[in-house]
Amino acid sequence: MIFGDDPSDAHHRKEPRAVKDSDPTLFRQIRMAALAVALPFVMAVGPVVGYIMGGWLGEQIGRGATGRLAGLALGAAASLYQTILIIRRILREMK
């Protein structure tokens, strides 16, 4: 028998009320919190990845500094766009 598959154990476990009743308000709040936690990561990762990829691409074509600057700008723009989408989703969930 696999650990945790004991059928007699199922009666002794207590599920949280929100899981048992599937409270949509709680799940909505959890989704909003998860989106809010993701915002700083989205804002930081875009420019960093853009800088690295732009530097690599710039080195390939002989324009390292220009490539890093362009990659940084594109990464920042992509992060800004994703941040706006996440904020819109959070505001839509609040309604």
PDB file of N, CA and C in Angstrom:
ATOM      1  N   MET A   1       0.848  -1.179   0.000  1.00  0.00           N
ATOM      2  CA  MET A   1       0.000   0.000   0.000  1.00  0.00           C
ATOM      3  C   MET A   1       0.895   1.244   0.000  1.00  0.00           C
ATOM      4  N   ILE A   2       0.531   2.227  -0.772  1.00  0.00           N
ATOM      5  CA  ILE A   2       1.297   3.466  -0.882  1.00  0.00           C
ATOM      6  C   ILE A   2       0.970   4.337   0.322  1.00  0.00           C
ATOM      7  N   PHE A   3       1.993   5.017   0.811  1.00  0.00           N
ATOM      8  CA  PHE A   3       1.828   5.897   1.963  1.00  0.00           C
ATOM      9  C   PHE A   3       0.737   6.927   1.697  1.00  0.00           C
ATOM     10  N   GLY A   4      -0.196   7.074   2.601  1.00  0.00           N
ATOM     11  CA  GLY A   4      -1.270   8.053   2.488  1.00  0.00           C
ATOM     12  C   GLY A   4      -2.502   7.550   1.764  1.00  0.00           C
ATOM     13  N   ASP A   5      -2.518   6.296   1.309  1.00  0.00           N
ATOM     14  CA  ASP A   5      -3.665   5.762   0.593  1.00  0.00           C
ATOM     15  C   ASP A   5      -4.618   4.987   1.495  1.00  0.00           C
ATOM     16  N   ASP A   6      -4.417   5.046   2.779  1.00  0.00           N
ATOM     17  CA  ASP A   6      -5.253   4.311   3.707  1.00  0.00           C
ATOM     18  C   ASP A   6      -6.655   4.920   3.700  1.00  0.00           C
ATOM     19  N   PRO A   7      -7.689   4.156   3.268  1.00  0.00           N
ATOM     20  CA  PRO A   7      -9.039   4.730   3.193  1.00  0.00           C
ATOM     21  C   PRO A   7      -9.588   5.120   4.552  1.00  0.00           C
ATOM     22  N   SER A   8      -9.162   4.460   5.615  1.00  0.00           N
ATOM     23  CA  SER A   8      -9.667   4.818   6.940  1.00  0.00           C
ATOM     24  C   SER A   8      -9.107   6.162   7.384  1.00  0.00           C
ATOM     25  N   ASP A   9      -8.004   6.596   6.767  1.00  0.00           N
ATOM     26  CA  ASP A   9      -7.392   7.872   7.117  1.00  0.00           C
ATOM     27  C   ASP A   9      -8.194   9.053   6.564  1.00  0.00           C
ATOM     28  N   ALA A  10      -8.990   8.840   5.538  1.00  0.00           N
ATOM     29  CA  ALA A  10      -9.749   9.911   4.894  1.00  0.00           C
ATOM     30  C   ALA A  10     -10.760  10.546   5.840  1.00  0.00           C
ATOM     31  N   HIS A  11     -11.284   9.799   6.769  1.00  0.00           N
ATOM     32  CA  HIS A  11     -12.288  10.347   7.693  1.00  0.00           C
ATOM     33  C   HIS A  11     -11.649  11.208   8.768  1.00  0.00           C
ATOM     34  N   HIS A  12     -10.370  11.046   8.992  1.00  0.00           N
ATOM     35  CA  HIS A  12      -9.701  11.780  10.061  1.00  0.00           C
ATOM     36  C   HIS A  12      -9.116  13.099   9.582  1.00  0.00           C
ATOM     37  N   ARG A  13      -9.005  13.263   8.279  1.00  0.00           N
ATOM     38  CA  ARG A  13      -8.456  14.512   7.764  1.00  0.00           C
ATOM     39  C   ARG A  13      -9.531  15.583   7.745  1.00  0.00           C
ATOM     40  N   LYS A  14      -9.129  16.767   8.097  1.00  0.00           N
ATOM     41  CA  LYS A  14     -10.036  17.919   8.062  1.00  0.00           C
ATOM     42  C   LYS A  14      -9.620  18.823   6.912  1.00  0.00           C
ATOM     43  N   GLU A  15     -10.531  19.098   6.023  1.00  0.00           N
ATOM     44  CA  GLU A  15     -10.258  20.035   4.950  1.00  0.00           C
ATOM     45  C   GLU A  15     -10.677  21.420   5.408  1.00  0.00           C
ATOM     46  N   PRO A  16      -9.949  22.437   4.993  1.00  0.00           N
ATOM     47  CA  PRO A  16     -10.367  23.797   5.343  1.00  0.00           C
ATOM     48  C   PRO A  16     -11.746  24.079   4.770  1.00  0.00           C
ATOM     49  N   ARG A  17     -12.475  24.932   5.463  1.00  0.00           N
ATOM     50  CA  ARG A  17     -13.832  25.256   5.047  1.00  0.00           C
ATOM     51  C   ARG A  17     -13.859  25.814   3.629  1.00  0.00           C
ATOM     52  N   ALA A  18     -12.884  26.663   3.271  1.00  0.00           N
ATOM     53  CA  ALA A  18     -12.871  27.272   1.946  1.00  0.00           C
ATOM     54  C   ALA A  18     -12.708  26.228   0.852  1.00  0.00           C
ATOM     55  N   VAL A  19     -11.930  25.199   1.113  1.00  0.00           N
ATOM     56  CA  VAL A  19     -11.747  24.148   0.117  1.00  0.00           C
ATOM     57  C   VAL A  19     -13.006  23.302   0.024  1.00  0.00           C
ATOM     58  N   LYS A  20     -13.579  22.978   1.161  1.00  0.00           N
ATOM     59  CA  LYS A  20     -14.773  22.145   1.181  1.00  0.00           C
ATOM     60  C   LYS A  20     -15.956  22.847   0.517  1.00  0.00           C
ATOM     61  N   ASP A  21     -16.156  24.111   0.850  1.00  0.00           N
ATOM     62  CA  ASP A  21     -17.291  24.860   0.308  1.00  0.00           C
ATOM     63  C   ASP A  21     -16.940  25.578  -0.996  1.00  0.00           C
ATOM     64  N   SER A  22     -15.678  25.529  -1.378  1.00  0.00           N
ATOM     65  CA  SER A  22     -15.129  26.222  -2.553  1.00  0.00           C
ATOM     66  C   SER A  22     -15.617  27.670  -2.605  1.00  0.00           C
ATOM     67  N   ASP A  23     -15.169  28.442  -1.633  1.00  0.00           N
ATOM     68  CA  ASP A  23     -15.519  29.844  -1.474  1.00  0.00           C
ATOM     69  C   ASP A  23     -14.878  30.670  -2.598  1.00  0.00           C
ATOM     70  N   PRO A  24     -15.669  31.178  -3.541  1.00  0.00           N
ATOM     71  CA  PRO A  24     -15.086  31.912  -4.664  1.00  0.00           C
ATOM     72  C   PRO A  24     -14.426  33.227  -4.242  1.00  0.00           C
ATOM     73  N   THR A  25     -14.886  33.847  -3.171  1.00  0.00           N
ATOM     74  CA  THR A  25     -14.288  35.097  -2.713  1.00  0.00           C
ATOM     75  C   THR A  25     -12.857  34.869  -2.247  1.00  0.00           C
ATOM     76  N   LEU A  26     -12.637  33.801  -1.518  1.00  0.00           N
ATOM     77  CA  LEU A  26     -11.296  33.497  -1.028  1.00  0.00           C
ATOM     78  C   LEU A  26     -10.358  33.201  -2.199  1.00  0.00           C
ATOM     79  N   PHE A  27     -10.811  32.430  -3.158  1.00  0.00           N
ATOM     80  CA  PHE A  27      -9.972  32.114  -4.302  1.00  0.00           C
ATOM     81  C   PHE A  27      -9.664  33.368  -5.121  1.00  0.00           C
ATOM     82  N   ARG A  28     -10.593  34.274  -5.227  1.00  0.00           N
ATOM     83  CA  ARG A  28     -10.364  35.535  -5.940  1.00  0.00           C
ATOM     84  C   ARG A  28      -9.295  36.355  -5.218  1.00  0.00           C
ATOM     85  N   GLN A  29      -9.369  36.409  -3.885  1.00  0.00           N
ATOM     86  CA  GLN A  29      -8.375  37.146  -3.113  1.00  0.00           C
ATOM     87  C   GLN A  29      -6.994  36.516  -3.236  1.00  0.00           C
ATOM     88  N   ILE A  30      -6.937  35.205  -3.264  1.00  0.00           N
ATOM     89  CA  ILE A  30      -5.652  34.514  -3.430  1.00  0.00           C
ATOM     90  C   ILE A  30      -5.066  34.810  -4.806  1.00  0.00           C
ATOM     91  N   ARG A  31      -5.912  34.807  -5.836  1.00  0.00           N
ATOM     92  CA  ARG A  31      -5.437  35.137  -7.183  1.00  0.00           C
ATOM     93  C   ARG A  31      -4.901  36.557  -7.243  1.00  0.00           C
ATOM     94  N   MET A  32      -5.611  37.506  -6.625  1.00  0.00           N
ATOM     95  CA  MET A  32      -5.166  38.895  -6.634  1.00  0.00           C
ATOM     96  C   MET A  32      -3.842  39.038  -5.892  1.00  0.00           C
ATOM     97  N   ALA A  33      -3.691  38.349  -4.769  1.00  0.00           N
ATOM     98  CA  ALA A  33      -2.435  38.411  -4.015  1.00  0.00           C
ATOM     99  C   ALA A  33      -1.283  37.816  -4.823  1.00  0.00           C
ATOM    100  N   ALA A  34      -1.536  36.712  -5.506  1.00  0.00           N
ATOM    101  CA  ALA A  34      -0.491  36.087  -6.320  1.00  0.00           C
ATOM    102  C   ALA A  34      -0.070  37.005  -7.461  1.00  0.00           C
ATOM    103  N   LEU A  35      -1.023  37.674  -8.075  1.00  0.00           N
ATOM    104  CA  LEU A  35      -0.685  38.618  -9.143  1.00  0.00           C
ATOM    105  C   LEU A  35       0.114  39.793  -8.598  1.00  0.00           C
ATOM    106  N   ALA A  36      -0.257  40.279  -7.421  1.00  0.00           N
ATOM    107  CA  ALA A  36       0.464  41.400  -6.816  1.00  0.00           C
ATOM    108  C   ALA A  36       1.892  40.997  -6.448  1.00  0.00           C
ATOM    109  N   VAL A  37       2.076  39.774  -6.001  1.00  0.00           N
ATOM    110  CA  VAL A  37       3.419  39.295  -5.660  1.00  0.00           C
ATOM    111  C   VAL A  37       4.267  39.143  -6.918  1.00  0.00           C
ATOM    112  N   ALA A  38       3.656  38.828  -8.036  1.00  0.00           N
ATOM    113  CA  ALA A  38       4.394  38.633  -9.288  1.00  0.00           C
ATOM    114  C   ALA A  38       4.888  39.951  -9.890  1.00  0.00           C
ATOM    115  N   LEU A  39       4.270  41.063  -9.536  1.00  0.00           N
ATOM    116  CA  LEU A  39       4.628  42.352 -10.148  1.00  0.00           C
ATOM    117  C   LEU A  39       6.110  42.722 -10.016  1.00  0.00           C
ATOM    118  N   PRO A  40       6.712  42.685  -8.834  1.00  0.00           N
ATOM    119  CA  PRO A  40       8.127  43.070  -8.750  1.00  0.00           C
ATOM    120  C   PRO A  40       9.041  42.175  -9.585  1.00  0.00           C
ATOM    121  N   PHE A  41       8.706  40.896  -9.671  1.00  0.00           N
ATOM    122  CA  PHE A  41       9.519  39.986 -10.467  1.00  0.00           C
ATOM    123  C   PHE A  41       9.413  40.312 -11.952  1.00  0.00           C
ATOM    124  N   VAL A  42       8.211  40.618 -12.398  1.00  0.00           N
ATOM    125  CA  VAL A  42       8.010  40.974 -13.796  1.00  0.00           C
ATOM    126  C   VAL A  42       8.773  42.254 -14.123  1.00  0.00           C
ATOM    127  N   MET A  43       8.738  43.228 -13.212  1.00  0.00           N
ATOM    128  CA  MET A  43       9.406  44.499 -13.465  1.00  0.00           C
ATOM    129  C   MET A  43      10.930  44.355 -13.438  1.00  0.00           C
ATOM    130  N   ALA A  44      11.458  43.400 -12.688  1.00  0.00           N
ATOM    131  CA  ALA A  44      12.906  43.240 -12.597  1.00  0.00           C
ATOM    132  C   ALA A  44      13.476  42.343 -13.695  1.00  0.00           C
ATOM    133  N   VAL A  45      12.758  41.302 -14.050  1.00  0.00           N
ATOM    134  CA  VAL A  45      13.302  40.305 -14.972  1.00  0.00           C
ATOM    135  C   VAL A  45      13.398  40.833 -16.400  1.00  0.00           C
ATOM    136  N   GLY A  46      12.445  41.599 -16.840  1.00  0.00           N
ATOM    137  CA  GLY A  46      12.439  42.095 -18.222  1.00  0.00           C
ATOM    138  C   GLY A  46      13.694  42.883 -18.590  1.00  0.00           C
ATOM    139  N   PRO A  47      14.027  43.927 -17.833  1.00  0.00           N
ATOM    140  CA  PRO A  47      15.238  44.680 -18.175  1.00  0.00           C
ATOM    141  C   PRO A  47      16.525  43.860 -18.039  1.00  0.00           C
ATOM    142  N   VAL A  48      16.591  42.984 -17.053  1.00  0.00           N
ATOM    143  CA  VAL A  48      17.797  42.178 -16.874  1.00  0.00           C
ATOM    144  C   VAL A  48      17.993  41.234 -18.056  1.00  0.00           C
ATOM    145  N   VAL A  49      16.941  40.529 -18.425  1.00  0.00           N
ATOM    146  CA  VAL A  49      17.030  39.608 -19.563  1.00  0.00           C
ATOM    147  C   VAL A  49      17.283  40.394 -20.851  1.00  0.00           C
ATOM    148  N   GLY A  50      16.646  41.541 -21.016  1.00  0.00           N
ATOM    149  CA  GLY A  50      16.878  42.368 -22.198  1.00  0.00           C
ATOM    150  C   GLY A  50      18.325  42.838 -22.283  1.00  0.00           C
ATOM    151  N   TYR A  51      18.897  43.222 -21.160  1.00  0.00           N
ATOM    152  CA  TYR A  51      20.290  43.662 -21.124  1.00  0.00           C
ATOM    153  C   TYR A  51      21.231  42.527 -21.525  1.00  0.00           C
ATOM    154  N   ILE A  52      20.995  41.346 -20.959  1.00  0.00           N
ATOM    155  CA  ILE A  52      21.855  40.201 -21.264  1.00  0.00           C
ATOM    156  C   ILE A  52      21.712  39.790 -22.731  1.00  0.00           C
ATOM    157  N   MET A  53      20.475  39.645 -23.181  1.00  0.00           N
ATOM    158  CA  MET A  53      20.254  39.224 -24.567  1.00  0.00           C
ATOM    159  C   MET A  53      20.730  40.297 -25.556  1.00  0.00           C
ATOM    160  N   GLY A  54      20.491  41.562 -25.228  1.00  0.00           N
ATOM    161  CA  GLY A  54      20.957  42.639 -26.100  1.00  0.00           C
ATOM    162  C   GLY A  54      22.475  42.700 -26.166  1.00  0.00           C
ATOM    163  N   GLY A  55      23.130  42.439 -25.027  1.00  0.00           N
ATOM    164  CA  GLY A  55      24.592  42.401 -25.019  1.00  0.00           C
ATOM    165  C   GLY A  55      25.126  41.271 -25.871  1.00  0.00           C
ATOM    166  N   TRP A  56      24.489  40.121 -25.765  1.00  0.00           N
ATOM    167  CA  TRP A  56      24.922  38.979 -26.575  1.00  0.00           C
ATOM    168  C   TRP A  56      24.715  39.272 -28.062  1.00  0.00           C
ATOM    169  N   LEU A  57      23.532  39.776 -28.384  1.00  0.00           N
ATOM    170  CA  LEU A  57      23.247  40.082 -29.785  1.00  0.00           C
ATOM    171  C   LEU A  57      24.163  41.186 -30.300  1.00  0.00           C
ATOM    172  N   GLY A  58      24.412  42.184 -29.474  1.00  0.00           N
ATOM    173  CA  GLY A  58      25.315  43.266 -29.866  1.00  0.00           C
ATOM    174  C   GLY A  58      26.728  42.770 -30.114  1.00  0.00           C
ATOM    175  N   GLU A  59      27.191  41.836 -29.298  1.00  0.00           N
ATOM    176  CA  GLU A  59      28.521  41.258 -29.510  1.00  0.00           C
ATOM    177  C   GLU A  59      28.573  40.478 -30.826  1.00  0.00           C
ATOM    178  N   GLN A  60      27.474  39.848 -31.190  1.00  0.00           N
ATOM    179  CA  GLN A  60      27.438  39.077 -32.427  1.00  0.00           C
ATOM    180  C   GLN A  60      27.554  39.970 -33.659  1.00  0.00           C
ATOM    181  N   ILE A  61      27.017  41.169 -33.567  1.00  0.00           N
ATOM    182  CA  ILE A  61      27.068  42.068 -34.727  1.00  0.00           C
ATOM    183  C   ILE A  61      28.120  43.171 -34.565  1.00  0.00           C
ATOM    184  N   GLY A  62      28.883  43.138 -33.469  1.00  0.00           N
ATOM    185  CA  GLY A  62      29.957  44.103 -33.269  1.00  0.00           C
ATOM    186  C   GLY A  62      29.530  45.402 -32.624  1.00  0.00           C
ATOM    187  N   ARG A  63      28.392  45.436 -32.002  1.00  0.00           N
ATOM    188  CA  ARG A  63      27.890  46.645 -31.336  1.00  0.00           C
ATOM    189  C   ARG A  63      27.433  46.295 -29.917  1.00  0.00           C
ATOM    190  N   GLY A  64      28.371  45.927 -29.054  1.00  0.00           N
ATOM    191  CA  GLY A  64      28.042  45.452 -27.708  1.00  0.00           C
ATOM    192  C   GLY A  64      27.278  46.459 -26.873  1.00  0.00           C
ATOM    193  N   ALA A  65      27.788  47.692 -26.778  1.00  0.00           N
ATOM    194  CA  ALA A  65      27.145  48.701 -25.931  1.00  0.00           C
ATOM    195  C   ALA A  65      25.772  49.095 -26.478  1.00  0.00           C
ATOM    196  N   THR A  66      25.688  49.236 -27.776  1.00  0.00           N
ATOM    197  CA  THR A  66      24.407  49.593 -28.390  1.00  0.00           C
ATOM    198  C   THR A  66      23.386  48.470 -28.209  1.00  0.00           C
ATOM    199  N   GLY A  67      23.833  47.237 -28.358  1.00  0.00           N
ATOM    200  CA  GLY A  67      22.945  46.096 -28.171  1.00  0.00           C
ATOM    201  C   GLY A  67      22.427  45.999 -26.743  1.00  0.00           C
ATOM    202  N   ARG A  68      23.324  46.242 -25.766  1.00  0.00           N
ATOM    203  CA  ARG A  68      22.893  46.210 -24.359  1.00  0.00           C
ATOM    204  C   ARG A  68      21.862  47.301 -24.081  1.00  0.00           C
ATOM    205  N   LEU A  69      22.112  48.479 -24.607  1.00  0.00           N
ATOM    206  CA  LEU A  69      21.175  49.591 -24.397  1.00  0.00           C
ATOM    207  C   LEU A  69      19.828  49.307 -25.049  1.00  0.00           C
ATOM    208  N   ALA A  70      19.860  48.800 -26.264  1.00  0.00           N
ATOM    209  CA  ALA A  70      18.608  48.477 -26.955  1.00  0.00           C
ATOM    210  C   ALA A  70      17.871  47.341 -26.242  1.00  0.00           C
ATOM    211  N   GLY A  71      18.616  46.324 -25.809  1.00  0.00           N
ATOM    212  CA  GLY A  71      17.998  45.218 -25.075  1.00  0.00           C
ATOM    213  C   GLY A  71      17.388  45.678 -23.763  1.00  0.00           C
ATOM    214  N   LEU A  72      18.091  46.563 -23.068  1.00  0.00           N
ATOM    215  CA  LEU A  72      17.576  47.107 -21.816  1.00  0.00           C
ATOM    216  C   LEU A  72      16.281  47.878 -22.047  1.00  0.00           C
ATOM    217  N   ALA A  73      16.260  48.690 -23.106  1.00  0.00           N
ATOM    218  CA  ALA A  73      15.054  49.467 -23.415  1.00  0.00           C
ATOM    219  C   ALA A  73      13.888  48.558 -23.800  1.00  0.00           C
ATOM    220  N   LEU A  74      14.158  47.547 -24.629  1.00  0.00           N
ATOM    221  CA  LEU A  74      13.090  46.623 -25.023  1.00  0.00           C
ATOM    222  C   LEU A  74      12.601  45.792 -23.835  1.00  0.00           C
ATOM    223  N   GLY A  75      13.517  45.366 -22.976  1.00  0.00           N
ATOM    224  CA  GLY A  75      13.129  44.610 -21.786  1.00  0.00           C
ATOM    225  C   GLY A  75      12.291  45.450 -20.833  1.00  0.00           C
ATOM    226  N   ALA A  76      12.667  46.712 -20.673  1.00  0.00           N
ATOM    227  CA  ALA A  76      11.893  47.608 -19.812  1.00  0.00           C
ATOM    228  C   ALA A  76      10.500  47.859 -20.391  1.00  0.00           C
ATOM    229  N   ALA A  77      10.429  48.010 -21.714  1.00  0.00           N
ATOM    230  CA  ALA A  77       9.124  48.215 -22.351  1.00  0.00           C
ATOM    231  C   ALA A  77       8.243  46.979 -22.201  1.00  0.00           C
ATOM    232  N   ALA A  78       8.833  45.796 -22.362  1.00  0.00           N
ATOM    233  CA  ALA A  78       8.064  44.558 -22.205  1.00  0.00           C
ATOM    234  C   ALA A  78       7.587  44.401 -20.765  1.00  0.00           C
ATOM    235  N   SER A  79       8.445  44.750 -19.805  1.00  0.00           N
ATOM    236  CA  SER A  79       8.045  44.669 -18.400  1.00  0.00           C
ATOM    237  C   SER A  79       6.921  45.652 -18.087  1.00  0.00           C
ATOM    238  N   LEU A  80       7.018  46.843 -18.633  1.00  0.00           N
ATOM    239  CA  LEU A  80       5.965  47.838 -18.427  1.00  0.00           C
ATOM    240  C   LEU A  80       4.638  47.341 -18.990  1.00  0.00           C
ATOM    241  N   TYR A  81       4.685  46.773 -20.177  1.00  0.00           N
ATOM    242  CA  TYR A  81       3.473  46.240 -20.806  1.00  0.00           C
ATOM    243  C   TYR A  81       2.858  45.127 -19.948  1.00  0.00           C
ATOM    244  N   GLN A  82       3.674  44.189 -19.492  1.00  0.00           N
ATOM    245  CA  GLN A  82       3.166  43.101 -18.662  1.00  0.00           C
ATOM    246  C   GLN A  82       2.648  43.615 -17.324  1.00  0.00           C
ATOM    247  N   THR A  83       3.305  44.619 -16.762  1.00  0.00           N
ATOM    248  CA  THR A  83       2.846  45.210 -15.500  1.00  0.00           C
ATOM    249  C   THR A  83       1.471  45.828 -15.673  1.00  0.00           C
ATOM    250  N   ILE A  84       1.266  46.527 -16.776  1.00  0.00           N
ATOM    251  CA  ILE A  84      -0.046  47.127 -17.047  1.00  0.00           C
ATOM    252  C   ILE A  84      -1.107  46.038 -17.182  1.00  0.00           C
ATOM    253  N   LEU A  85      -0.787  44.946 -17.876  1.00  0.00           N
ATOM    254  CA  LEU A  85      -1.747  43.850 -18.021  1.00  0.00           C
ATOM    255  C   LEU A  85      -2.090  43.224 -16.667  1.00  0.00           C
ATOM    256  N   ILE A  86      -1.097  43.046 -15.813  1.00  0.00           N
ATOM    257  CA  ILE A  86      -1.344  42.451 -14.493  1.00  0.00           C
ATOM    258  C   ILE A  86      -2.192  43.385 -13.642  1.00  0.00           C
ATOM    259  N   ILE A  87      -1.891  44.686 -13.667  1.00  0.00           N
ATOM    260  CA  ILE A  87      -2.682  45.641 -12.876  1.00  0.00           C
ATOM    261  C   ILE A  87      -4.119  45.671 -13.370  1.00  0.00           C
ATOM    262  N   ARG A  88      -4.319  45.612 -14.669  1.00  0.00           N
ATOM    263  CA  ARG A  88      -5.692  45.563 -15.204  1.00  0.00           C
ATOM    264  C   ARG A  88      -6.424  44.314 -14.726  1.00  0.00           C
ATOM    265  N   ARG A  89      -5.719  43.178 -14.705  1.00  0.00           N
ATOM    266  CA  ARG A  89      -6.335  41.937 -14.242  1.00  0.00           C
ATOM    267  C   ARG A  89      -6.698  42.031 -12.759  1.00  0.00           C
ATOM    268  N   ILE A  90      -5.820  42.631 -11.955  1.00  0.00           N
ATOM    269  CA  ILE A  90      -6.107  42.796 -10.528  1.00  0.00           C
ATOM    270  C   ILE A  90      -7.328  43.686 -10.347  1.00  0.00           C
ATOM    271  N   LEU A  91      -7.390  44.797 -11.085  1.00  0.00           N
ATOM    272  CA  LEU A  91      -8.538  45.687 -10.965  1.00  0.00           C
ATOM    273  C   LEU A  91      -9.828  45.012 -11.423  1.00  0.00           C
ATOM    274  N   ARG A  92      -9.738  44.172 -12.459  1.00  0.00           N
ATOM    275  CA  ARG A  92     -10.917  43.450 -12.925  1.00  0.00           C
ATOM    276  C   ARG A  92     -11.378  42.446 -11.865  1.00  0.00           C
ATOM    277  N   GLU A  93     -10.431  41.823 -11.163  1.00  0.00           N
ATOM    278  CA  GLU A  93     -10.792  40.870 -10.106  1.00  0.00           C
ATOM    279  C   GLU A  93     -11.430  41.580  -8.906  1.00  0.00           C
ATOM    280  N   MET A  94     -11.085  42.850  -8.695  1.00  0.00           N
ATOM    281  CA  MET A  94     -11.631  43.565  -7.549  1.00  0.00           C
ATOM    282  C   MET A  94     -13.091  43.926  -7.725  1.00  0.00           C
ATOM    283  N   LYS A  95     -13.571  43.942  -8.952  1.00  0.00           N
ATOM    284  CA  LYS A  95     -14.975  44.326  -9.203  1.00  0.00           C
ATOM    285  C   LYS A  95     -15.927  43.266  -8.744  1.00  0.00           C
TER     286      LYS A  95
END
